Amino acid sequence: MIRPAREAWQRVRWETATVGGSVRRAFTGPGPERDLAVQSLKAAGAAILAWAVAGWWWKAPLALMAPWTAVALVQSTVYRSVRTGLQQVVLIAAGTVVAAAAVGLTGDTMAAMALALPVTVLLGNYPRFGDQGLYASTTALFVLVYGAYTGFDILHRLLETLLGAVIGIGVNALILPPVHLRDARDSLCRLPREGADLLRTIADEIRHGHDRGQAQEWHRRARRLTGRLAALRDARTWTRESLRFNPALRIRRQAPPELPSTEWDAAWERVVDHLTSLTALLAEAAGERPRFAPPPDDVLADVPPLLYALADVCETDCAALSRPAGPAPDRRDRDEAMDRAWEAHHRLKARLAEEAGRDGETATSVGGLTAETRQLLHDLENARVH
């Protein structure tokens, strides 16, 4: 009992610290946490406004429909608000009509539920409606439970829904309309920043003597970079969607800086593939029982300068991606780092020629090392930020 209680307490502490960190970041600077807080406050404000109009001023018979719709339509993008609003209007209208028809046919609430709910649940599962499908069946339940079946009641349901949709979409579009460009730029920066950190770690630990466990950790970190690529693809999709129907673009005096083309993503996908292969090779050639002969120490001594230079290239790219809109940065530092990387690779290639004449087994590992680092060099050249 003591161990589960301790683990549960640790989870609670970790969750509390995570929530506290998110709250602190929301107050201290722009970022995903602040964006989420703004969207949450907008949703709450839209629901209050919808209730004030429908319930307090209009005194609608089922005023709940207006704030219920409004709070759901403050979505992550203006385009998604419009699309979701159309879906909800269709589903709520369908749920209302089906429920009223079921009562007209049966004359009994219980029998009407048995008739209406299977139809509305099936309608809600239509793929085109996505996550909004639940509104058809829940609207039918509201109508049946509240006993609002007449043509006047149906008209009110539709008007209340339309009111909530207009308020929700209007609040999302006119009050700090969401733009996900910052999320995409942050995802872009993460790849070269984390790539540079990994390259420096590998170089440092090779210089001081690494073991198999360290090499396996390099491989795990390289594989985690594929998750950054997936996050970047998602962020680009959200950015494209957030720019549709967004009035903020007309309000801004200066257009936001453009993102690099998707060719940059493809180049980094190849960088991650070769970095993963390189770390796998180093892991398999390390330890007391390596799967193949490890590179000689004098060959490994030529690897850190190459990796340090590649890390410098990644860091200059990260700095270029982080810059505000304006003229292109001076890329002489990147060119100088690439030159140093190629010089170090030429030394490594010369070592391969020497090892080929001495020991075929070590030549295999040195050849793999030379090939993978060469591919890294070519791919990082193609990943230049313009």
Protein backbone atom coordinates (compact mmCIF):
# COMPACT_ATOMS: atom_id res chain seq x y z
CA MET A 1 0.00 0.00 0.00
CA ILE A 2 2.87 2.38 0.72
CA ARG A 3 4.38 2.18 -2.76
CA PRO A 4 1.12 2.86 -4.69
CA ALA A 5 0.37 5.76 -2.36
CA ARG A 6 3.84 7.19 -2.92
CA GLU A 7 3.49 6.82 -6.70
CA ALA A 8 0.06 8.46 -6.61
CA TRP A 9 1.45 11.35 -4.57
CA GLN A 10 4.34 11.77 -7.02
CA ARG A 11 1.88 11.89 -9.93
CA VAL A 12 -0.19 14.52 -8.12
CA ARG A 13 2.92 16.59 -7.43
CA TRP A 14 4.08 16.26 -11.04
CA GLU A 15 0.65 17.25 -12.38
CA THR A 16 0.47 20.19 -9.97
CA ALA A 17 3.92 21.38 -11.01
CA THR A 18 2.98 21.04 -14.69
CA VAL A 19 -0.22 23.05 -14.24
CA GLY A 20 1.64 25.66 -12.19
CA GLY A 21 4.28 26.00 -14.89
CA SER A 22 1.61 26.43 -17.56
CA VAL A 23 -0.15 29.13 -15.55
CA ARG A 24 3.15 30.94 -14.96
CA ARG A 25 4.03 30.85 -18.68
CA ALA A 26 0.58 32.17 -19.57
CA PHE A 27 1.25 35.28 -17.45
CA THR A 28 4.93 35.81 -18.27
CA GLY A 29 4.96 35.80 -22.07
CA PRO A 30 3.30 34.84 -25.36
CA GLY A 31 3.01 31.17 -26.14
CA PRO A 32 0.59 28.23 -26.39
CA GLU A 33 -0.46 28.60 -22.74
CA ARG A 34 -1.47 32.23 -23.19
CA ASP A 35 -3.26 31.44 -26.45
CA LEU A 36 -5.24 28.71 -24.69
CA ALA A 37 -6.16 31.07 -21.85
CA VAL A 38 -7.35 33.72 -24.31
CA GLN A 39 -9.49 31.22 -26.21
CA SER A 40 -11.00 29.92 -22.95
CA LEU A 41 -11.93 33.43 -21.81
CA LYS A 42 -13.39 34.20 -25.24
CA ALA A 43 -15.56 31.05 -25.10
CA ALA A 44 -16.81 31.96 -21.64
CA GLY A 45 -17.53 35.52 -22.74
CA ALA A 46 -19.40 34.32 -25.85
CA ALA A 47 -21.58 32.02 -23.74
CA ILE A 48 -22.40 34.81 -21.27
CA LEU A 49 -23.28 37.21 -24.08
CA ALA A 50 -25.47 34.60 -25.78
CA TRP A 51 -27.34 33.92 -22.53
CA ALA A 52 -27.78 37.65 -21.89
CA VAL A 53 -29.41 38.07 -25.31
CA ALA A 54 -31.44 34.85 -25.43
CA GLY A 55 -32.30 34.30 -21.78
CA TRP A 56 -32.28 37.72 -20.11
CA TRP A 57 -33.37 40.06 -22.92
CA TRP A 58 -35.26 37.81 -25.36
CA LYS A 59 -36.54 35.36 -22.68
CA ALA A 60 -36.45 32.47 -25.17
CA PRO A 61 -38.25 29.27 -24.15
CA LEU A 62 -35.06 27.18 -24.36
CA ALA A 63 -32.39 29.88 -24.04
CA LEU A 64 -29.82 27.21 -23.16
CA MET A 65 -29.37 26.51 -26.87
CA ALA A 66 -27.74 29.89 -27.54
CA PRO A 67 -24.86 29.79 -24.98
CA TRP A 68 -24.46 26.05 -25.57
CA THR A 69 -23.83 26.73 -29.26
CA ALA A 70 -21.74 29.89 -28.67
CA VAL A 71 -19.26 28.27 -26.27
CA ALA A 72 -18.67 25.41 -28.70
CA LEU A 73 -17.99 27.71 -31.64
CA VAL A 74 -15.02 29.59 -30.18
CA GLN A 75 -12.71 27.17 -31.95
CA SER A 76 -8.96 27.11 -32.60
CA THR A 77 -9.40 28.90 -35.94
CA VAL A 78 -12.01 31.21 -37.45
CA TYR A 79 -12.45 28.80 -40.36
CA ARG A 80 -13.14 25.96 -37.91
CA SER A 81 -15.70 28.14 -36.11
CA VAL A 82 -17.59 28.75 -39.36
CA ARG A 83 -17.43 25.11 -40.41
CA THR A 84 -18.47 23.87 -36.96
CA GLY A 85 -21.28 26.43 -36.84
CA LEU A 86 -22.77 25.12 -40.09
CA GLN A 87 -22.49 21.54 -38.82
CA GLN A 88 -24.19 22.41 -35.54
CA VAL A 89 -27.06 24.28 -37.16
CA VAL A 90 -27.76 21.28 -39.41
CA LEU A 91 -27.50 18.77 -36.56
CA ILE A 92 -29.58 20.76 -34.08
CA ALA A 93 -32.26 21.38 -36.70
CA ALA A 94 -32.29 17.68 -37.58
CA GLY A 95 -32.46 16.63 -33.92
CA THR A 96 -35.32 19.03 -33.26
CA VAL A 97 -37.36 17.94 -36.29
CA VAL A 98 -36.81 14.21 -35.67
CA ALA A 99 -37.82 14.54 -32.00
CA ALA A 100 -40.96 16.51 -32.86
CA ALA A 101 -41.90 14.01 -35.57
CA ALA A 102 -41.36 11.09 -33.18
CA VAL A 103 -43.69 12.65 -30.59
CA GLY A 104 -46.26 13.36 -33.30
CA LEU A 105 -46.20 9.72 -34.36
CA THR A 106 -46.21 8.09 -30.92
CA GLY A 107 -47.82 10.63 -28.59
CA ASP A 108 -45.56 9.39 -25.76
CA THR A 109 -42.17 10.70 -24.60
CA MET A 110 -40.69 7.28 -23.86
CA ALA A 111 -41.79 5.84 -27.19
CA ALA A 112 -40.57 8.98 -28.96
CA MET A 113 -37.10 8.53 -27.40
CA ALA A 114 -37.00 4.92 -28.57
CA LEU A 115 -37.83 6.11 -32.07
CA ALA A 116 -35.81 9.36 -32.27
CA LEU A 117 -32.54 8.51 -30.53
CA PRO A 118 -31.40 5.66 -32.84
CA VAL A 119 -32.01 7.91 -35.85
CA THR A 120 -30.19 10.94 -34.41
CA VAL A 121 -27.25 8.91 -33.07
CA LEU A 122 -26.86 7.27 -36.47
CA LEU A 123 -27.02 10.69 -38.14
CA GLY A 124 -24.41 12.04 -35.71
CA ASN A 125 -22.00 9.26 -36.66
CA TYR A 126 -21.91 10.42 -40.27
CA PRO A 127 -18.19 11.14 -40.87
CA ARG A 128 -18.82 14.58 -42.39
CA PHE A 129 -20.04 15.86 -39.03
CA GLY A 130 -16.89 14.81 -37.16
CA ASP A 131 -16.90 15.58 -33.43
CA GLN A 132 -20.11 17.60 -33.69
CA GLY A 133 -22.32 14.54 -34.29
CA LEU A 134 -23.35 14.36 -30.64
CA TYR A 135 -25.44 17.53 -31.03
CA ALA A 136 -28.18 15.71 -33.01
CA SER A 137 -29.02 13.22 -30.26
CA THR A 138 -28.55 15.65 -27.34
CA THR A 139 -30.82 18.20 -29.04
CA ALA A 140 -33.46 15.52 -29.50
CA LEU A 141 -33.20 14.72 -25.77
CA PHE A 142 -33.59 18.40 -24.81
CA VAL A 143 -36.65 18.73 -27.00
CA LEU A 144 -38.27 15.58 -25.64
CA VAL A 145 -37.48 16.28 -21.97
CA TYR A 146 -38.62 19.91 -22.11
CA GLY A 147 -41.77 18.96 -24.05
CA ALA A 148 -41.25 21.56 -26.84
CA TYR A 149 -42.79 19.99 -29.93
CA THR A 150 -44.87 22.62 -31.74
CA GLY A 151 -43.89 24.43 -34.92
CA PHE A 152 -43.36 27.60 -32.87
CA ASP A 153 -41.02 25.72 -30.53
CA ILE A 154 -39.06 24.27 -33.45
CA LEU A 155 -38.65 27.76 -34.93
CA HIS A 156 -37.39 29.01 -31.56
CA ARG A 157 -34.81 26.19 -31.34
CA LEU A 158 -33.44 27.18 -34.73
CA LEU A 159 -33.37 30.90 -33.91
CA GLU A 160 -31.64 30.26 -30.56
CA THR A 161 -29.06 28.08 -32.30
CA LEU A 162 -28.45 30.67 -35.00
CA LEU A 163 -28.08 33.39 -32.35
CA GLY A 164 -25.47 31.36 -30.47
CA ALA A 165 -23.64 30.56 -33.71
CA VAL A 166 -23.48 34.21 -34.76
CA ILE A 167 -22.21 35.29 -31.34
CA GLY A 168 -19.64 32.50 -31.06
CA ILE A 169 -18.25 33.01 -34.57
CA GLY A 170 -18.30 36.79 -34.16
CA VAL A 171 -16.40 36.73 -30.87
CA ASN A 172 -13.78 34.36 -32.27
CA ALA A 173 -13.33 36.37 -35.48
CA LEU A 174 -13.34 39.89 -34.06
CA ILE A 175 -11.68 39.56 -30.64
CA LEU A 176 -8.04 38.49 -30.93
CA PRO A 177 -8.69 36.05 -33.81
CA PRO A 178 -6.36 33.06 -33.43
CA VAL A 179 -3.37 32.74 -35.76
CA HIS A 180 -1.15 29.68 -35.32
CA LEU A 181 1.86 31.08 -37.14
CA ARG A 182 3.83 31.28 -33.88
CA ASP A 183 3.22 27.57 -33.22
CA ALA A 184 4.58 26.65 -36.66
CA ARG A 185 7.63 28.87 -36.21
CA ASP A 186 8.29 27.37 -32.79
CA SER A 187 8.09 23.86 -34.30
CA LEU A 188 10.49 24.93 -37.04
CA CYS A 189 13.01 26.23 -34.49
CA ARG A 190 12.83 23.11 -32.36
CA LEU A 191 14.34 20.87 -35.04
CA PRO A 192 17.67 22.71 -35.55
CA ARG A 193 17.84 23.65 -31.85
CA GLU A 194 17.42 20.08 -30.61
CA GLY A 195 19.55 18.77 -33.46
CA ALA A 196 22.38 21.11 -32.45
CA ASP A 197 22.06 20.06 -28.80
CA LEU A 198 22.24 16.37 -29.77
CA LEU A 199 25.25 16.90 -32.05
CA ARG A 200 27.13 18.76 -29.29
CA THR A 201 26.28 16.04 -26.77
CA ILE A 202 27.62 13.32 -29.08
CA ALA A 203 30.79 15.33 -29.78
CA ASP A 204 31.42 16.02 -26.07
CA GLU A 205 30.93 12.41 -25.00
CA ILE A 206 33.05 11.01 -27.85
CA ARG A 207 35.88 13.34 -26.80
CA HIS A 208 35.75 12.12 -23.20
CA GLY A 209 35.14 8.46 -24.03
CA HIS A 210 31.62 7.11 -24.45
CA ASP A 211 30.05 3.78 -23.64
CA ARG A 212 27.21 1.79 -25.19
CA GLY A 213 24.58 3.25 -22.85
CA GLN A 214 25.44 6.79 -23.89
CA ALA A 215 25.39 5.85 -27.57
CA GLN A 216 21.98 4.21 -27.17
CA GLU A 217 20.68 7.39 -25.55
CA TRP A 218 21.93 9.38 -28.58
CA HIS A 219 19.95 7.02 -30.78
CA ARG A 220 16.79 7.44 -28.69
CA ARG A 221 17.12 11.23 -28.86
CA ALA A 222 17.61 11.11 -32.63
CA ARG A 223 14.49 9.00 -33.02
CA ARG A 224 12.50 11.45 -30.92
CA LEU A 225 13.23 14.11 -33.54
CA THR A 226 10.77 12.31 -35.83
CA GLY A 227 8.09 13.43 -33.39
CA ARG A 228 9.19 17.03 -33.97
CA LEU A 229 8.71 16.50 -37.71
CA ALA A 230 5.16 15.26 -37.10
CA ALA A 231 4.47 18.27 -34.84
CA LEU A 232 5.78 20.57 -37.57
CA ARG A 233 3.44 19.06 -40.15
CA ASP A 234 0.49 19.54 -37.78
CA ALA A 235 1.54 23.12 -37.02
CA ARG A 236 1.74 23.97 -40.72
CA THR A 237 -1.77 22.58 -41.21
CA TRP A 238 -3.13 24.66 -38.31
CA THR A 239 -1.38 27.76 -39.66
CA ARG A 240 -2.87 27.40 -43.12
CA GLU A 241 -6.32 26.88 -41.61
CA SER A 242 -6.01 29.79 -39.18
CA LEU A 243 -5.30 32.21 -42.05
CA ARG A 244 -8.63 31.41 -43.75
CA PHE A 245 -11.50 33.84 -43.02
CA ASN A 246 -9.24 35.61 -40.52
CA PRO A 247 -9.84 39.39 -40.32
CA ALA A 248 -6.61 39.86 -38.37
CA LEU A 249 -4.67 39.76 -41.65
CA ARG A 250 -6.49 42.88 -42.84
CA ILE A 251 -6.07 44.62 -39.50
CA ARG A 252 -2.31 44.04 -39.24
CA ARG A 253 -0.16 46.84 -40.60
CA GLN A 254 2.64 44.42 -41.41
CA ALA A 255 2.26 40.94 -42.83
CA PRO A 256 3.67 38.16 -40.65
CA PRO A 257 7.00 36.67 -41.77
CA GLU A 258 6.63 33.80 -44.19
CA LEU A 259 7.58 30.28 -43.19
CA PRO A 260 10.24 28.34 -45.10
CA SER A 261 8.85 26.11 -47.84
CA THR A 262 8.01 22.48 -47.24
CA GLU A 263 11.26 21.61 -49.05
CA TRP A 264 12.99 22.67 -45.81
CA ASP A 265 10.88 20.09 -43.95
CA ALA A 266 11.85 17.41 -46.48
CA ALA A 267 15.54 18.27 -46.06
CA TRP A 268 15.25 18.00 -42.29
CA GLU A 269 13.41 14.71 -42.61
CA ARG A 270 16.49 13.37 -44.39
CA VAL A 271 18.75 14.96 -41.75
CA VAL A 272 16.85 13.15 -39.01
CA ASP A 273 17.01 9.84 -40.92
CA HIS A 274 20.80 10.05 -41.31
CA LEU A 275 21.30 11.27 -37.76
CA THR A 276 19.30 8.26 -36.56
CA SER A 277 21.42 5.94 -38.70
CA LEU A 278 24.66 7.56 -37.48
CA THR A 279 23.74 7.15 -33.80
CA ALA A 280 22.62 3.56 -34.43
CA LEU A 281 26.02 2.83 -36.00
CA LEU A 282 27.87 4.36 -33.04
CA ALA A 283 25.70 2.39 -30.59
CA GLU A 284 26.34 -0.91 -32.37
CA ALA A 285 30.11 -0.26 -32.40
CA ALA A 286 30.33 0.59 -28.68
CA GLY A 287 30.53 -1.45 -25.49
CA GLU A 288 32.35 -4.57 -24.40
CA ARG A 289 30.69 -6.78 -27.02
CA PRO A 290 30.09 -4.60 -30.08
CA ARG A 291 28.35 -6.11 -33.10
CA PHE A 292 31.16 -4.96 -35.35
CA ALA A 293 34.63 -3.50 -34.84
CA PRO A 294 34.52 0.04 -33.41
CA PRO A 295 36.40 2.82 -35.22
CA PRO A 296 39.95 3.34 -33.90
CA ASP A 297 40.46 6.10 -31.34
CA ASP A 298 42.46 8.25 -33.75
CA VAL A 299 39.55 8.10 -36.23
CA LEU A 300 36.99 8.95 -33.55
CA ALA A 301 39.12 11.95 -32.62
CA ASP A 302 38.26 13.47 -36.03
CA VAL A 303 34.50 13.13 -35.42
CA PRO A 304 33.89 15.82 -32.70
CA PRO A 305 35.18 18.75 -34.82
CA LEU A 306 32.82 17.67 -37.59
CA LEU A 307 29.83 17.40 -35.22
CA TYR A 308 30.64 20.73 -33.54
CA ALA A 309 30.65 22.41 -36.95
CA LEU A 310 27.33 20.80 -37.85
CA ALA A 311 25.89 22.00 -34.52
CA ASP A 312 27.01 25.54 -35.40
CA VAL A 313 25.17 25.23 -38.72
CA CYS A 314 21.98 24.18 -36.91
CA GLU A 315 22.28 27.04 -34.43
CA THR A 316 22.61 29.65 -37.19
CA ASP A 317 19.49 28.21 -38.82
CA CYS A 318 17.62 28.39 -35.53
CA ALA A 319 18.64 32.04 -35.13
CA ALA A 320 17.46 32.79 -38.68
CA LEU A 321 14.09 31.14 -38.05
CA SER A 322 13.63 33.09 -34.81
CA ARG A 323 14.19 36.50 -36.39
CA PRO A 324 11.28 38.94 -36.85
CA ALA A 325 10.13 40.02 -40.29
CA GLY A 326 12.80 41.97 -42.12
CA PRO A 327 15.82 41.57 -44.39
CA ALA A 328 17.50 38.19 -44.65
CA PRO A 329 20.25 37.63 -42.07
CA ASP A 330 23.93 37.49 -42.86
CA ARG A 331 24.69 33.83 -43.62
CA ARG A 332 28.50 34.07 -43.54
CA ASP A 333 28.59 32.31 -40.14
CA ARG A 334 26.67 29.38 -41.60
CA ASP A 335 28.94 29.19 -44.64
CA GLU A 336 32.03 29.29 -42.42
CA ALA A 337 30.64 26.47 -40.25
CA MET A 338 29.85 24.38 -43.33
CA ASP A 339 33.41 24.89 -44.58
CA ARG A 340 34.78 23.66 -41.25
CA ALA A 341 32.48 20.65 -41.40
CA TRP A 342 33.64 19.72 -44.90
CA GLU A 343 37.30 20.08 -43.88
CA ALA A 344 36.74 17.73 -40.95
CA HIS A 345 34.94 15.28 -43.24
CA HIS A 346 37.85 15.29 -45.70
CA ARG A 347 40.16 14.28 -42.81
CA LEU A 348 37.73 11.50 -41.86
CA LYS A 349 37.63 10.31 -45.47
CA ALA A 350 41.43 10.17 -45.54
CA ARG A 351 41.30 7.96 -42.45
CA LEU A 352 38.99 5.60 -44.32
CA ALA A 353 41.59 5.12 -47.04
CA GLU A 354 44.20 4.32 -44.40
CA GLU A 355 41.96 1.82 -42.58
CA ALA A 356 41.01 0.07 -45.82
CA GLY A 357 44.64 -0.93 -46.24
CA ARG A 358 45.00 -2.15 -42.64
CA ASP A 359 41.90 -3.85 -41.27
CA GLY A 360 38.77 -4.70 -43.21
CA GLU A 361 36.57 -4.89 -40.10
CA THR A 362 37.40 -1.41 -38.81
CA ALA A 363 37.19 -0.10 -42.37
CA THR A 364 33.51 -1.14 -42.38
CA SER A 365 32.64 0.99 -39.35
CA VAL A 366 34.78 3.92 -40.52
CA GLY A 367 33.14 3.68 -43.95
CA GLY A 368 29.67 3.78 -42.40
CA LEU A 369 30.69 6.77 -40.28
CA THR A 370 32.07 8.57 -43.32
CA ALA A 371 28.98 7.87 -45.45
CA GLU A 372 26.43 8.97 -42.85
CA THR A 373 28.25 12.19 -41.96
CA ARG A 374 28.58 12.99 -45.67
CA GLN A 375 24.83 12.61 -46.09
CA LEU A 376 24.28 14.85 -43.07
CA LEU A 377 26.47 17.52 -44.66
CA HIS A 378 24.58 17.42 -47.97
CA ASP A 379 21.17 17.48 -46.30
CA LEU A 380 22.05 20.37 -43.98
CA GLU A 381 23.26 22.33 -47.01
CA ASN A 382 19.82 21.79 -48.56
CA ALA A 383 18.13 22.89 -45.30
CA ARG A 384 19.38 26.48 -45.62
CA VAL A 385 16.87 29.08 -44.42
CA HIS A 386 16.33 31.74 -47.10
